[in-house]
Structure formats: C-alpha cells, structure tokens
Amino acid sequence: MLLHQNMGKDLYLLITKDNCLACEKARDILDTEDISYIEMDQNEVISEFIDIIKGKGVLTYPFCFKLVGDGDALNKQVLHTHLIK
C-alpha cells in the first residue's frame, strides 16, 4: 500500500494491478490535480471485496473510491444525493 500525499483535501483509494495503462492514467490525473490517494495492488485486497466490486458492474482496473469522511459527512452526502433525485 502506498500513500501519495498531495496538497489537495480530497483523498481517493485506487485498487490497481500490474501493467495497467488505465491505472497509470488514474495516478497521473490525481498527481496532476494535486489530489492525495492511497494505492493498493489487487493482491493486497481480499478477493471477496474484489468480487463485490465486480458484482456492481465495475470490471476494469483501477477501482476508484473517494473518501467521504466520518458518519456525519456520510449522512450529509446521502441526504444531499437523495434530495437531488
């Protein structure tokens, strides 16, 4: 697991694999935009988690997640998203 600490306040999690051009592009985008991210190789993640992600229709690497924050931030995010619908 690698932490790429940049000045931006956002934090992403990338699950990557070796020899993945899309993974390289994702890293380049985050670095260019000065966004912090944690990178984990697919082999560092339990296979059940990978299966859940793929079951949601995300089939190609990298798998990308954005940190929402704590429970209060999650509540605000979910309520805001549902109010917009």
Protein backbone atom coordinates (compact mmCIF):
# COMPACT_ATOMS: atom_id res chain seq x y z
CA MET A 1 0.00 0.00 0.00
CA LEU A 2 1.34 3.41 -0.97
CA LEU A 3 0.17 6.82 0.23
CA HIS A 4 0.63 9.60 -2.31
CA GLN A 5 0.19 12.72 -0.17
CA ASN A 6 -0.56 15.91 -2.08
CA MET A 7 -1.84 19.34 -1.06
CA GLY A 8 -5.50 18.84 -2.04
CA LYS A 9 -8.03 18.00 0.67
CA ASP A 10 -9.67 15.08 -1.19
CA LEU A 11 -8.48 11.51 -0.70
CA TYR A 12 -9.02 8.63 -3.09
CA LEU A 13 -8.34 4.90 -2.88
CA LEU A 14 -7.12 3.21 -6.04
CA ILE A 15 -7.05 -0.57 -6.34
CA THR A 16 -4.63 -1.25 -9.17
CA LYS A 17 -2.88 -4.11 -10.92
CA ASP A 18 0.48 -4.56 -12.61
CA ASN A 19 0.97 -3.44 -16.22
CA CYS A 20 -2.29 -1.47 -16.27
CA LEU A 21 -2.31 1.59 -18.54
CA ALA A 22 -5.60 2.83 -17.08
CA CYS A 23 -4.05 2.61 -13.60
CA GLU A 24 -1.10 4.73 -14.74
CA LYS A 25 -3.52 7.27 -16.23
CA ALA A 26 -5.51 7.45 -12.98
CA ARG A 27 -2.31 8.08 -10.99
CA ASP A 28 -1.25 10.76 -13.48
CA ILE A 29 -4.64 12.52 -13.22
CA LEU A 30 -4.54 12.55 -9.41
CA ASP A 31 -0.90 13.70 -9.34
CA THR A 32 -1.56 16.44 -11.92
CA GLU A 33 -4.57 17.69 -9.96
CA ASP A 34 -2.59 17.52 -6.68
CA ILE A 35 -5.05 15.04 -5.13
CA SER A 36 -3.92 12.63 -2.40
CA TYR A 37 -4.54 8.93 -2.87
CA ILE A 38 -3.83 5.55 -1.40
CA GLU A 39 -2.84 2.90 -3.89
CA MET A 40 -3.33 -0.79 -3.18
CA ASP A 41 -2.42 -3.60 -5.51
CA GLN A 42 -5.25 -6.05 -6.21
CA ASN A 43 -3.20 -8.73 -4.42
CA GLU A 44 -3.38 -6.70 -1.18
CA VAL A 45 -7.19 -6.75 -1.20
CA ILE A 46 -9.27 -9.74 -0.11
CA SER A 47 -10.83 -11.49 -3.08
CA GLU A 48 -14.36 -11.21 -1.64
CA PHE A 49 -14.08 -7.41 -1.81
CA ILE A 50 -12.95 -7.59 -5.44
CA ASP A 51 -15.90 -9.90 -6.19
CA ILE A 52 -18.35 -7.40 -4.62
CA ILE A 53 -16.92 -4.56 -6.73
CA LYS A 54 -17.15 -6.63 -9.91
CA GLY A 55 -20.69 -7.65 -8.93
CA LYS A 56 -21.59 -3.94 -9.03
CA GLY A 57 -20.53 -3.85 -12.69
CA VAL A 58 -17.05 -2.35 -12.26
CA LEU A 59 -14.99 -4.81 -14.28
CA THR A 60 -11.82 -2.96 -15.26
CA TYR A 61 -8.95 -1.59 -13.19
CA PRO A 62 -8.35 0.67 -11.45
CA PHE A 63 -11.18 0.55 -8.94
CA CYS A 64 -11.51 4.10 -7.59
CA PHE A 65 -13.10 5.26 -4.33
CA LYS A 66 -13.38 8.75 -2.83
CA LEU A 67 -13.26 9.25 0.93
CA VAL A 68 -16.49 10.83 2.14
CA GLY A 69 -15.39 11.38 5.73
CA ASP A 70 -16.97 10.38 9.02
CA GLY A 71 -20.55 9.31 9.75
CA ASP A 72 -21.84 12.89 9.75
CA ALA A 73 -20.27 13.53 6.35
CA LEU A 74 -21.80 10.30 5.04
CA ASN A 75 -25.22 11.35 6.34
CA LYS A 76 -24.95 14.74 4.61
CA GLN A 77 -23.72 13.11 1.38
CA VAL A 78 -26.53 10.56 1.29
CA LEU A 79 -29.25 13.05 2.21
CA HIS A 80 -27.98 15.57 -0.36
CA THR A 81 -27.85 12.89 -3.07
CA HIS A 82 -31.38 11.68 -2.32
CA LEU A 83 -32.79 15.21 -2.15
CA ILE A 84 -31.47 15.95 -5.64
CA LYS A 85 -33.21 12.92 -7.18
